[in-house]
Amino acid sequence: MTRARTPREPGRAVVVGGGIAGLATATLLSAEGWTVSLFEAGDDVGGRAGSWRSGGFRFDTGPSWYLMPEVFDHFFRLLGTTAADELDLVPLSPAYRVYTEGDAAPLDVVSGRDAATALFEGIEPGAGSRLGEYLDSAADAYDLSITRFLYDAYETTAGLRDPELLRRLPRLAPLLTRTLASHIARRFTDLRLQQILGYPAVFLGGSPYGVPSLYHLMSHLDLDEGVLYPRGGLTEVIRAVERLARARGVEIQTRAEVTEIQTRDGIASGVRLADGRSIAADLVVSTADLHHTETSLLPPELRSYPESWWAKRTPSPGALLLLLGVEGELPQLAHHTLLFTRDWQDNFERIFGGGSSIPDPASLYVCKPSATDPSVAPPGHENLFVLVPVPADPGLGRGGEDGDGDPRIEKAADAVVRQVAQWCGIPDLADRIIVRRTIAPGDFEADLHAWRGNALGLAHTLGQSAVFRPRNASKRVDGLLYAGASTLPGIGLPMCLISAELVVKRLRGDRSPGPLTEPAVARV
């Protein structure tokens, strides 16, 4: 049963969780006139977008791609500033480098329509013109998503019944019913090109064989728009939002774990902390993992999404992360480097097929931020962040420092280092590593309460996208809202910023499908 409407007049609000969604929500609420307290269980804010220092290196421990820049720009403008004022953004060229198993030479992917067209045409005659059509469609789908889907909390179906959207339905329907992989394969035959267009599915917590082809829109971002990097790392985005939150009077408490969302007569009344304190509130917004929020912070009778609901859902993959400080330079690697196996489909089947094996060799991602940013490594050294998608299974184990993680995880990490060394022509890579830390699904579960140890949130399958994704308000507790990667609109830093805006839209009673008009916040 859906409760009475959420309170809209500003009062006292509590935000659970200090990741990007929590910080953004707290900041926007404060700008709306709420008195806001944010409680974060960890030692610092950031959540998945964390930071770790060792031996003169500074590592991002989560997101490392800055995509959808207009979403960041819009968020900052809502608060009277701009991304350019808050961040030092650097364009990357190449956008990324690709190594394919068995190929001697890598491909450098340079953003921009002309460069991408030339790359595709040089590999597969005729692919250049087909890419133009593909990217035109991707840009149209992206515009549709921004104006009609991503900023809609789906309190009503009015946005879905918009005449303009209905006119586009004949083109839209196949994009919802066909997988991304099949959509690509109908247009391009070379495996390398298919992989360049298909890998963004991982950003969505899915497989190109599982996400709908509407998400070909992602190629508009890296091939048309370009890839940026905030100097200092993605943690600078966290720091920027934290600064804005504190400037607007948000109280931020770390090492303050919420253990219960308190209610009175079906209405949220505050939270209880692990130290026994009870904090009263007129509004509670949980940006913690939604499964944890529903199954650990609420009693069974007040759960909108009980365990029986989760049993039918698909998490994003888990991740094996390697944070490596390396002596000497590594010109073989770009800022972003992707390694793709030939058995592309089998690789994804091993991740999403229900087993618990770590692919070897694996399709994986390497970030070398020291290519662009000297602040992340000592002079004459390189900073590497390696991400290997693995099954969402905390039973795979936990990582550690200097090889002290669970044996299965460290053995897999050794194999990853060997693979990067062999495929990228760095035979002495293992001998040059002077800082090493591994992070695994068991850590995501223990440290972030991530459901099944997943790395990103709910996967963007058709049944878990847009109107089918969990709403941002409890069905059973009035005054309890949600934001973050497992609710609307989805996975990733930009999506989490939008989820914070959706909280404000719901409180205002704004049911429009698009973003708030700038400047949207009157009480800055």
Protein backbone atom coordinates (compact mmCIF):
# COMPACT_ATOMS: atom_id res chain seq x y z
CA MET A 1 0.00 0.00 0.00
CA THR A 2 1.34 3.43 -0.90
CA ARG A 3 1.30 5.77 2.08
CA ALA A 4 0.18 9.39 2.16
CA ARG A 5 2.33 11.83 0.27
CA THR A 6 5.79 12.68 1.51
CA PRO A 7 6.06 15.93 3.52
CA ARG A 8 7.04 18.84 1.33
CA GLU A 9 7.56 21.72 3.75
CA PRO A 10 11.19 21.93 4.88
CA GLY A 11 11.99 20.65 8.34
CA ARG A 12 14.72 18.39 9.70
CA ALA A 13 16.13 15.80 7.29
CA VAL A 14 18.49 12.89 7.85
CA VAL A 15 20.49 11.46 4.95
CA VAL A 16 21.87 7.94 5.35
CA GLY A 17 25.17 7.42 3.54
CA GLY A 18 27.91 9.78 2.40
CA GLY A 19 28.56 8.62 -1.15
CA ILE A 20 27.96 10.92 -4.10
CA ALA A 21 24.18 10.40 -3.90
CA GLY A 22 24.07 11.17 -0.18
CA LEU A 23 26.23 14.27 -0.45
CA ALA A 24 24.29 15.57 -3.46
CA THR A 25 20.93 14.91 -1.81
CA ALA A 26 21.98 16.61 1.41
CA THR A 27 23.25 19.65 -0.50
CA LEU A 28 20.10 20.06 -2.56
CA LEU A 29 17.86 19.57 0.47
CA SER A 30 19.79 22.19 2.41
CA ALA A 31 19.43 24.60 -0.49
CA GLU A 32 15.68 23.91 -0.37
CA GLY A 33 15.55 25.05 3.26
CA TRP A 34 15.88 21.74 5.10
CA THR A 35 18.10 21.37 8.14
CA VAL A 36 20.19 18.37 7.11
CA SER A 37 22.35 15.86 8.95
CA LEU A 38 24.24 13.23 6.99
CA PHE A 39 25.53 10.04 8.61
CA GLU A 40 28.28 7.97 6.99
CA ALA A 41 29.47 4.65 8.44
CA GLY A 42 32.98 4.89 7.00
CA ASP A 43 35.97 6.95 8.03
CA ASP A 44 35.39 9.37 5.16
CA VAL A 45 32.71 10.31 2.67
CA GLY A 46 32.75 8.99 -0.89
CA GLY A 47 31.28 5.50 -0.66
CA ARG A 48 32.19 3.56 -3.79
CA ALA A 49 34.04 6.65 -5.04
CA GLY A 50 36.66 6.39 -2.33
CA SER A 51 40.35 7.24 -2.10
CA TRP A 52 43.39 5.39 -0.73
CA ARG A 53 46.97 6.53 -0.15
CA SER A 54 50.12 4.45 0.22
CA GLY A 55 53.82 4.96 -0.49
CA GLY A 56 53.32 8.35 -2.10
CA PHE A 57 50.53 7.12 -4.40
CA ARG A 58 46.88 8.21 -4.27
CA PHE A 59 44.31 5.87 -5.78
CA ASP A 60 40.65 6.27 -6.66
CA THR A 61 38.98 3.11 -5.39
CA GLY A 62 35.89 3.30 -7.58
CA PRO A 63 34.64 5.29 -10.58
CA SER A 64 37.35 6.54 -12.93
CA TRP A 65 35.44 7.71 -16.05
CA TYR A 66 33.97 11.20 -16.22
CA LEU A 67 31.08 10.86 -18.65
CA MET A 68 27.79 12.74 -19.16
CA PRO A 69 29.46 16.10 -18.39
CA GLU A 70 26.23 18.03 -18.90
CA VAL A 71 24.71 16.20 -15.91
CA PHE A 72 27.55 17.43 -13.68
CA ASP A 73 27.22 20.91 -15.17
CA HIS A 74 23.49 20.95 -14.51
CA PHE A 75 23.91 19.78 -10.91
CA PHE A 76 26.48 22.45 -10.12
CA ARG A 77 24.42 25.16 -11.80
CA LEU A 78 21.47 24.24 -9.58
CA LEU A 79 23.69 25.31 -6.71
CA GLY A 80 24.91 28.55 -8.24
CA THR A 81 28.26 27.33 -9.50
CA THR A 82 29.67 25.38 -12.46
CA ALA A 83 31.72 22.26 -13.06
CA ALA A 84 34.44 24.49 -14.52
CA ASP A 85 34.60 26.45 -11.26
CA GLU A 86 34.66 23.36 -9.06
CA LEU A 87 36.83 20.96 -11.10
CA ASP A 88 39.93 21.12 -13.28
CA LEU A 89 38.70 19.07 -16.25
CA VAL A 90 41.21 17.75 -18.78
CA PRO A 91 40.20 16.21 -22.15
CA LEU A 92 41.83 12.84 -22.85
CA SER A 93 43.40 11.90 -26.17
CA PRO A 94 43.22 9.12 -26.94
CA ALA A 95 39.97 8.61 -25.09
CA TYR A 96 41.17 5.06 -24.48
CA ARG A 97 43.40 2.31 -25.89
CA VAL A 98 42.21 -1.19 -26.75
CA TYR A 99 44.22 -4.42 -26.69
CA THR A 100 42.49 -7.45 -28.19
CA GLU A 101 43.69 -10.96 -27.40
CA GLY A 102 45.97 -12.22 -30.16
CA ASP A 103 46.46 -8.84 -31.86
CA ALA A 104 49.99 -7.48 -31.80
CA ALA A 105 49.08 -3.80 -32.03
CA PRO A 106 46.54 -1.90 -29.91
CA LEU A 107 43.91 0.49 -31.22
CA ASP A 108 43.80 4.06 -29.98
CA VAL A 109 40.26 5.42 -29.90
CA VAL A 110 40.18 9.18 -30.33
CA SER A 111 36.92 11.00 -29.62
CA GLY A 112 35.24 13.05 -32.31
CA ARG A 113 33.07 11.97 -35.22
CA ASP A 114 35.80 12.32 -37.87
CA ALA A 115 38.43 10.39 -35.92
CA ALA A 116 36.03 7.61 -34.94
CA THR A 117 34.75 7.29 -38.50
CA ALA A 118 38.29 7.01 -39.85
CA LEU A 119 39.18 4.35 -37.28
CA PHE A 120 36.14 2.22 -38.10
CA GLU A 121 36.54 2.62 -41.86
CA GLY A 122 40.20 1.63 -41.67
CA ILE A 123 39.32 -1.62 -39.94
CA GLU A 124 36.16 -2.58 -41.83
CA PRO A 125 35.34 -0.97 -45.21
CA GLY A 126 31.90 0.62 -45.05
CA ALA A 127 31.91 0.71 -41.25
CA GLY A 128 32.64 4.44 -41.20
CA SER A 129 29.36 5.44 -42.82
CA ARG A 130 27.46 2.91 -40.72
CA LEU A 131 29.08 4.37 -37.60
CA GLY A 132 27.74 7.79 -38.56
CA GLU A 133 24.21 6.42 -38.62
CA TYR A 134 24.85 4.51 -35.39
CA LEU A 135 26.09 7.64 -33.59
CA ASP A 136 23.22 9.75 -34.92
CA SER A 137 20.85 7.21 -33.41
CA ALA A 138 22.90 7.14 -30.19
CA ALA A 139 22.71 10.93 -29.89
CA ASP A 140 18.95 10.85 -30.44
CA ALA A 141 18.55 8.11 -27.81
CA TYR A 142 20.71 10.06 -25.38
CA ASP A 143 18.65 13.22 -25.85
CA LEU A 144 15.49 11.18 -25.36
CA SER A 145 16.86 9.70 -22.14
CA ILE A 146 17.81 13.09 -20.70
CA THR A 147 14.54 14.81 -21.62
CA ARG A 148 12.07 11.95 -21.06
CA PHE A 149 13.46 9.12 -18.91
CA LEU A 150 16.34 9.83 -16.52
CA TYR A 151 14.82 12.79 -14.65
CA ASP A 152 11.39 11.17 -14.25
CA ALA A 153 10.48 9.70 -10.84
CA TYR A 154 7.51 7.93 -12.50
CA GLU A 155 4.99 9.02 -9.91
CA THR A 156 2.62 9.03 -12.88
CA THR A 157 2.77 7.66 -16.41
CA ALA A 158 2.16 11.09 -17.95
CA GLY A 159 5.71 11.33 -19.23
CA LEU A 160 5.38 7.97 -20.97
CA ARG A 161 2.17 9.13 -22.65
CA ASP A 162 3.69 12.31 -24.01
CA PRO A 163 2.68 12.71 -27.69
CA GLU A 164 6.26 13.40 -28.78
CA LEU A 165 7.42 10.18 -27.13
CA LEU A 166 4.56 8.21 -28.66
CA ARG A 167 5.49 9.48 -32.12
CA ARG A 168 8.97 8.02 -31.64
CA LEU A 169 7.67 4.67 -30.43
CA PRO A 170 8.16 2.84 -33.77
CA ARG A 171 11.87 3.65 -33.61
CA LEU A 172 12.09 3.17 -29.85
CA ALA A 173 10.41 -0.24 -29.57
CA PRO A 174 13.18 -2.25 -31.31
CA LEU A 175 15.75 -0.58 -29.07
CA LEU A 176 13.92 -1.91 -26.04
CA THR A 177 13.38 -5.46 -27.29
CA ARG A 178 16.75 -6.13 -28.95
CA THR A 179 19.97 -6.61 -26.97
CA LEU A 180 22.86 -4.24 -27.44
CA ALA A 181 25.07 -7.05 -28.77
CA SER A 182 22.57 -8.03 -31.48
CA HIS A 183 22.02 -4.37 -32.41
CA ILE A 184 25.77 -3.95 -32.94
CA ALA A 185 26.25 -7.26 -34.75
CA ARG A 186 23.62 -6.28 -37.35
CA ARG A 187 25.83 -3.35 -38.34
CA PHE A 188 29.46 -4.32 -37.75
CA THR A 189 31.26 -7.63 -38.28
CA ASP A 190 34.76 -6.99 -36.95
CA LEU A 191 35.01 -8.22 -33.36
CA ARG A 192 37.14 -5.25 -32.28
CA LEU A 193 34.54 -2.77 -33.43
CA GLN A 194 31.77 -4.78 -31.78
CA GLN A 195 33.72 -4.68 -28.53
CA ILE A 196 34.37 -0.94 -28.69
CA LEU A 197 30.63 -0.37 -29.07
CA GLY A 198 29.58 -3.06 -26.61
CA TYR A 199 31.89 -2.54 -23.63
CA PRO A 200 29.89 0.44 -22.20
CA ALA A 201 27.33 -2.14 -21.05
CA VAL A 202 29.72 -2.80 -18.17
CA PHE A 203 29.29 0.83 -17.05
CA LEU A 204 25.59 -0.04 -16.76
CA GLY A 205 26.30 -3.06 -14.59
CA GLY A 206 25.40 -5.46 -17.36
CA SER A 207 26.47 -7.44 -20.38
CA PRO A 208 26.00 -6.37 -24.00
CA TYR A 209 24.09 -9.65 -24.33
CA GLY A 210 21.68 -8.61 -21.58
CA VAL A 211 21.08 -4.85 -21.68
CA PRO A 212 18.62 -3.40 -24.22
CA SER A 213 20.05 -1.72 -27.29
CA LEU A 214 18.63 1.63 -26.19
CA TYR A 215 21.91 1.85 -24.30
CA HIS A 216 23.84 2.22 -27.53
CA LEU A 217 23.41 5.85 -26.47
CA MET A 218 26.59 5.36 -24.41
CA SER A 219 28.68 5.49 -27.59
CA HIS A 220 27.54 9.07 -28.08
CA LEU A 221 29.43 9.91 -24.90
CA ASP A 222 32.86 8.45 -25.64
CA LEU A 223 32.97 8.61 -29.44
CA ASP A 224 31.11 11.89 -30.06
CA GLU A 225 31.35 13.98 -26.89
CA GLY A 226 34.75 12.94 -25.63
CA VAL A 227 36.20 11.77 -22.32
CA LEU A 228 37.30 14.15 -19.57
CA TYR A 229 39.34 13.67 -16.41
CA PRO A 230 39.05 15.83 -13.28
CA ARG A 231 42.63 16.56 -12.25
CA GLY A 232 43.22 15.06 -8.83
CA GLY A 233 40.97 12.11 -9.67
CA LEU A 234 37.26 11.35 -9.37
CA THR A 235 37.58 11.91 -5.64
CA GLU A 236 37.70 15.62 -6.52
CA VAL A 237 34.05 15.36 -7.55
CA ILE A 238 33.28 14.04 -4.08
CA ARG A 239 35.27 16.85 -2.47
CA ALA A 240 33.50 19.46 -4.59
CA VAL A 241 30.04 18.28 -3.54
CA GLU A 242 31.19 17.93 0.07
CA ARG A 243 32.40 21.57 0.01
CA LEU A 244 29.02 22.72 -1.30
CA ALA A 245 27.22 20.68 1.36
CA ARG A 246 29.26 22.10 4.22
CA ALA A 247 28.96 25.63 2.83
CA ARG A 248 25.17 25.26 3.02
CA GLY A 249 25.25 24.09 6.60
CA VAL A 250 24.92 20.32 6.16
CA GLU A 251 26.13 18.49 9.25
CA ILE A 252 28.30 15.55 8.14
CA GLN A 253 29.19 12.84 10.63
CA THR A 254 31.53 10.00 9.65
CA ARG A 255 32.06 6.78 11.62
CA ALA A 256 28.36 7.09 12.36
CA GLU A 257 26.59 3.98 11.10
CA VAL A 258 22.80 3.98 10.91
CA THR A 259 21.41 0.70 12.22
CA GLU A 260 17.68 1.43 12.10
CA ILE A 261 15.23 3.73 10.36
CA GLN A 262 12.74 4.63 13.05
CA THR A 263 9.04 5.05 12.37
CA ARG A 264 5.89 6.07 14.19
CA ASP A 265 2.51 4.98 12.82
CA GLY A 266 4.03 4.23 9.43
CA ILE A 267 5.82 7.58 9.19
CA ALA A 268 9.60 7.98 9.28
CA SER A 269 10.59 9.67 12.54
CA GLY A 270 14.38 9.43 12.48
CA VAL A 271 17.26 6.99 12.69
CA ARG A 272 19.15 5.04 15.34
CA LEU A 273 22.96 4.95 15.19
CA ALA A 274 25.31 2.15 16.14
CA ASP A 275 26.42 4.12 19.20
CA GLY A 276 22.83 4.11 20.51
CA ARG A 277 21.88 7.69 19.63
CA SER A 278 18.48 8.38 18.13
CA ILE A 279 18.22 11.28 15.70
CA ALA A 280 14.75 12.68 15.11
CA ALA A 281 13.75 13.78 11.62
CA ASP A 282 10.77 14.83 9.53
CA LEU A 283 12.33 13.22 6.45
CA VAL A 284 14.75 10.34 6.03
CA VAL A 285 16.56 9.78 2.73
CA SER A 286 18.55 6.57 2.53
CA THR A 287 21.30 6.51 -0.06
CA ALA A 288 22.76 3.31 1.35
CA ASP A 289 22.53 0.13 -0.71
CA LEU A 290 18.80 -0.37 -1.26
CA HIS A 291 18.87 -4.05 -0.30
CA HIS A 292 20.60 -3.16 2.97
CA THR A 293 18.15 -0.32 3.60
CA GLU A 294 15.12 -2.49 3.04
CA THR A 295 16.22 -5.73 4.68
CA SER A 296 18.43 -4.47 7.54
CA LEU A 297 17.21 -1.00 8.49
CA LEU A 298 13.44 -1.68 8.34
CA PRO A 299 11.27 -4.36 10.00
CA PRO A 300 9.67 -6.96 7.66
CA GLU A 301 6.22 -5.38 7.73
CA LEU A 302 7.57 -2.04 6.44
CA ARG A 303 9.68 -3.34 3.56
CA SER A 304 8.73 -2.28 0.04
CA TYR A 305 11.35 -4.63 -1.45
CA PRO A 306 11.63 -7.76 0.71
CA GLU A 307 14.03 -10.65 0.10
CA SER A 308 11.48 -12.35 -2.16
CA TRP A 309 11.69 -9.34 -4.49
CA TRP A 310 15.48 -9.39 -4.56
CA ALA A 311 15.55 -13.11 -5.33
CA LYS A 312 14.16 -12.27 -8.78
CA ARG A 313 16.57 -9.41 -9.53
CA THR A 314 19.96 -9.13 -11.25
CA PRO A 315 22.87 -7.35 -9.58
CA SER A 316 25.67 -5.69 -11.47
CA PRO A 317 28.81 -7.81 -11.63
CA GLY A 318 31.21 -7.87 -8.76
CA ALA A 319 34.71 -6.53 -9.24
CA LEU A 320 38.25 -7.57 -8.52
CA LEU A 321 40.18 -4.31 -8.14
CA LEU A 322 43.96 -3.99 -8.15
CA LEU A 323 45.58 -0.77 -6.95
CA LEU A 324 49.20 -0.90 -8.12
CA GLY A 325 52.06 1.51 -7.61
CA VAL A 326 54.66 0.77 -10.30
CA GLU A 327 58.30 1.85 -10.55
CA GLY A 328 59.23 3.42 -13.89
CA GLU A 329 57.08 4.57 -16.78
CA LEU A 330 54.50 2.50 -18.70
CA PRO A 331 54.07 4.05 -22.16
CA GLN A 332 52.28 0.89 -23.30
CA LEU A 333 49.21 2.00 -21.35
CA ALA A 334 47.03 5.07 -21.98
CA HIS A 335 45.05 6.90 -19.30
CA HIS A 336 42.23 4.41 -20.03
CA THR A 337 43.12 1.00 -21.48
CA LEU A 338 40.77 -1.90 -22.21
CA LEU A 339 41.82 -5.53 -22.71
CA PHE A 340 39.29 -7.70 -24.56
CA THR A 341 39.31 -11.49 -24.87
CA ARG A 342 38.41 -13.24 -28.10
CA ASP A 343 35.78 -15.37 -26.31
CA TRP A 344 33.86 -12.17 -25.56
CA GLN A 345 30.46 -13.81 -25.03
CA ASP A 346 31.82 -16.68 -22.95
CA ASN A 347 33.58 -14.12 -20.75
CA PHE A 348 30.27 -12.47 -19.92
CA GLU A 349 28.57 -15.82 -19.42
CA ARG A 350 31.11 -16.67 -16.76
CA ILE A 351 30.30 -13.42 -14.96
CA PHE A 352 26.50 -13.44 -15.26
CA GLY A 353 25.79 -17.14 -15.75
CA GLY A 354 25.30 -17.96 -12.08
CA GLY A 355 28.71 -19.53 -11.43
CA SER A 356 31.46 -18.26 -9.19
CA SER A 357 34.56 -18.47 -11.37
CA ILE A 358 36.86 -15.54 -12.06
CA PRO A 359 37.53 -15.32 -15.82
CA ASP A 360 41.12 -16.06 -16.87
CA PRO A 361 42.05 -14.48 -19.18
CA ALA A 362 39.60 -11.70 -18.51
CA SER A 363 38.21 -8.75 -20.39
CA LEU A 364 39.38 -6.00 -18.07
CA TYR A 365 40.05 -2.30 -17.67
CA VAL A 366 43.22 -0.47 -16.62
CA CYS A 367 43.30 3.18 -15.58
CA LYS A 368 46.68 4.96 -15.50
CA PRO A 369 45.79 8.41 -14.13
CA SER A 370 49.49 9.25 -13.81
CA ALA A 371 49.44 9.61 -17.62
CA THR A 372 47.54 12.86 -17.08
CA ASP A 373 47.96 13.75 -13.42
CA PRO A 374 51.40 13.82 -11.75
CA SER A 375 49.82 14.28 -8.31
CA VAL A 376 48.72 10.64 -8.06
CA ALA A 377 52.20 9.04 -8.11
CA PRO A 378 55.77 9.91 -7.09
CA PRO A 379 58.04 11.18 -9.88
CA GLY A 380 59.20 8.37 -12.17
CA HIS A 381 56.36 6.05 -11.11
CA GLU A 382 52.95 5.05 -12.44
CA ASN A 383 49.59 4.63 -10.73
CA LEU A 384 47.44 1.75 -12.01
CA PHE A 385 43.84 0.94 -11.15
CA VAL A 386 42.74 -2.39 -12.65
CA LEU A 387 39.11 -3.53 -12.71
CA VAL A 388 38.14 -7.10 -13.57
CA PRO A 389 34.39 -7.82 -13.74
CA VAL A 390 33.65 -11.00 -11.78
CA PRO A 391 30.48 -12.70 -10.49
CA ALA A 392 28.62 -10.85 -7.74
CA ASP A 393 29.54 -13.36 -5.06
CA PRO A 394 31.10 -12.31 -1.74
CA GLY A 395 32.10 -15.93 -1.30
CA LEU A 396 34.93 -15.26 -3.76
CA GLY A 397 36.70 -13.64 -0.84
CA ARG A 398 38.26 -10.40 0.31
CA GLY A 399 41.35 -8.55 -0.82
CA GLY A 400 44.21 -7.05 1.13
CA GLU A 401 47.52 -5.20 0.96
CA ASP A 402 50.77 -6.64 -0.37
CA GLY A 403 49.26 -10.05 -1.13
CA ASP A 404 47.55 -10.50 2.25
CA GLY A 405 44.06 -10.99 0.83
CA ASP A 406 42.30 -14.31 0.58
CA PRO A 407 44.41 -16.80 -1.43
CA ARG A 408 41.86 -17.16 -4.23
CA ILE A 409 41.72 -13.39 -4.73
CA GLU A 410 45.49 -12.94 -4.67
CA LYS A 411 45.98 -15.83 -7.12
CA ALA A 412 43.48 -14.20 -9.48
CA ALA A 413 45.26 -10.85 -9.08
CA ASP A 414 48.58 -12.48 -9.97
CA ALA A 415 46.98 -13.84 -13.14
CA VAL A 416 45.68 -10.36 -14.03
CA VAL A 417 49.14 -8.85 -13.62
CA ARG A 418 50.58 -11.56 -15.90
CA GLN A 419 47.87 -10.93 -18.49
CA VAL A 420 48.49 -7.19 -18.58
CA ALA A 421 52.23 -7.81 -18.80
CA GLN A 422 51.90 -10.27 -21.69
CA TRP A 423 49.22 -8.52 -23.73
CA CYS A 424 50.65 -5.03 -23.34
CA GLY A 425 54.32 -5.88 -23.72
CA ILE A 426 55.48 -5.13 -20.16
CA PRO A 427 57.41 -8.33 -19.29
CA ASP A 428 58.83 -7.00 -16.01
CA LEU A 429 55.57 -5.51 -14.69
CA ALA A 430 55.28 -7.81 -11.66
CA ASP A 431 58.84 -7.04 -10.55
CA ARG A 432 58.22 -3.29 -10.70
CA ILE A 433 55.15 -3.24 -8.43
CA ILE A 434 56.03 -1.56 -5.12
CA VAL A 435 52.50 -0.89 -3.79
CA ARG A 436 49.67 -3.40 -4.14
CA ARG A 437 46.17 -3.64 -2.78
CA THR A 438 43.30 -5.86 -3.88
CA ILE A 439 39.57 -5.28 -3.32
CA ALA A 440 37.03 -8.05 -3.97
CA PRO A 441 33.29 -8.76 -3.69
CA GLY A 442 33.67 -9.72 -0.04
CA ASP A 443 34.96 -6.21 0.65
CA PHE A 444 32.08 -4.57 -1.20
CA GLU A 445 29.67 -6.55 0.98
CA ALA A 446 31.47 -5.91 4.27
CA ASP A 447 32.45 -2.28 3.74
CA LEU A 448 29.55 -0.94 1.65
CA HIS A 449 26.73 -3.40 2.51
CA ALA A 450 26.56 -4.09 -1.24
CA TRP A 451 23.95 -6.68 -2.14
CA ARG A 452 25.71 -9.93 -3.09
CA GLY A 453 28.98 -8.00 -3.12
CA ASN A 454 28.10 -6.28 -6.40
CA ALA A 455 30.30 -3.39 -7.50
CA LEU A 456 27.83 -0.94 -9.07
CA GLY A 457 24.16 -1.47 -8.13
CA LEU A 458 21.20 -3.06 -9.87
CA ALA A 459 22.08 -4.03 -13.45
CA HIS A 460 20.37 -2.07 -16.22
CA THR A 461 18.42 -4.92 -17.72
CA LEU A 462 15.16 -3.95 -19.41
CA GLY A 463 13.22 -5.15 -16.37
CA GLN A 464 15.36 -2.99 -14.08
CA SER A 465 15.46 0.22 -16.12
CA ALA A 466 13.34 3.39 -16.13
CA VAL A 467 9.76 2.69 -15.03
CA PHE A 468 10.73 -0.84 -13.94
CA ARG A 469 13.48 0.29 -11.57
CA PRO A 470 12.76 0.75 -7.84
CA ARG A 471 11.06 4.08 -7.17
CA ASN A 472 12.63 6.67 -4.90
CA ALA A 473 9.95 6.54 -2.20
CA SER A 474 8.99 3.78 0.20
CA LYS A 475 5.60 2.23 -0.47
CA ARG A 476 5.08 1.55 3.23
CA VAL A 477 6.76 4.37 5.14
CA ASP A 478 5.75 7.96 4.54
CA GLY A 479 8.66 10.38 4.70
CA LEU A 480 11.22 7.75 3.63
CA LEU A 481 12.87 8.40 0.27
CA TYR A 482 15.72 6.73 -1.59
CA ALA A 483 18.60 7.82 -3.79
CA GLY A 484 21.65 6.06 -5.18
CA ALA A 485 22.69 3.39 -7.65
CA SER A 486 19.95 0.84 -6.98
CA THR A 487 17.02 3.19 -7.40
CA LEU A 488 15.99 5.62 -10.15
CA PRO A 489 17.60 6.39 -12.50
CA GLY A 490 20.57 4.03 -12.14
CA ILE A 491 24.28 3.33 -11.93
CA GLY A 492 27.18 5.77 -12.02
CA LEU A 493 28.11 9.18 -10.64
CA PRO A 494 25.91 11.17 -13.06
CA MET A 495 22.92 8.92 -12.36
CA CYS A 496 23.43 9.35 -8.62
CA LEU A 497 23.42 13.13 -9.04
CA ILE A 498 20.14 12.81 -10.91
CA SER A 499 18.75 10.57 -8.15
CA ALA A 500 19.41 13.38 -5.68
CA GLU A 501 17.51 15.78 -7.91
CA LEU A 502 14.61 13.32 -8.09
CA VAL A 503 14.29 13.55 -4.31
CA VAL A 504 13.81 17.31 -4.60
CA LYS A 505 11.34 16.89 -7.46
CA ARG A 506 9.24 14.47 -5.42
CA LEU A 507 9.21 16.79 -2.43
CA ARG A 508 8.19 19.71 -4.63
CA GLY A 509 5.47 17.68 -6.31
CA ASP A 510 7.21 18.17 -9.67
CA ARG A 511 6.16 15.28 -11.92
CA SER A 512 7.70 16.57 -15.12
CA PRO A 513 9.96 14.11 -17.00
CA GLY A 514 12.92 16.46 -17.47
CA PRO A 515 15.51 18.16 -15.27
CA LEU A 516 14.68 21.09 -13.02
CA THR A 517 14.88 24.51 -14.55
CA GLU A 518 18.06 26.37 -13.67
CA PRO A 519 18.47 28.06 -11.29
CA ALA A 520 16.11 25.66 -9.57
CA VAL A 521 16.94 26.24 -5.93
CA ALA A 522 15.46 29.42 -4.53
CA ARG A 523 16.91 29.24 -1.04
CA VAL A 524 20.65 29.26 -1.72
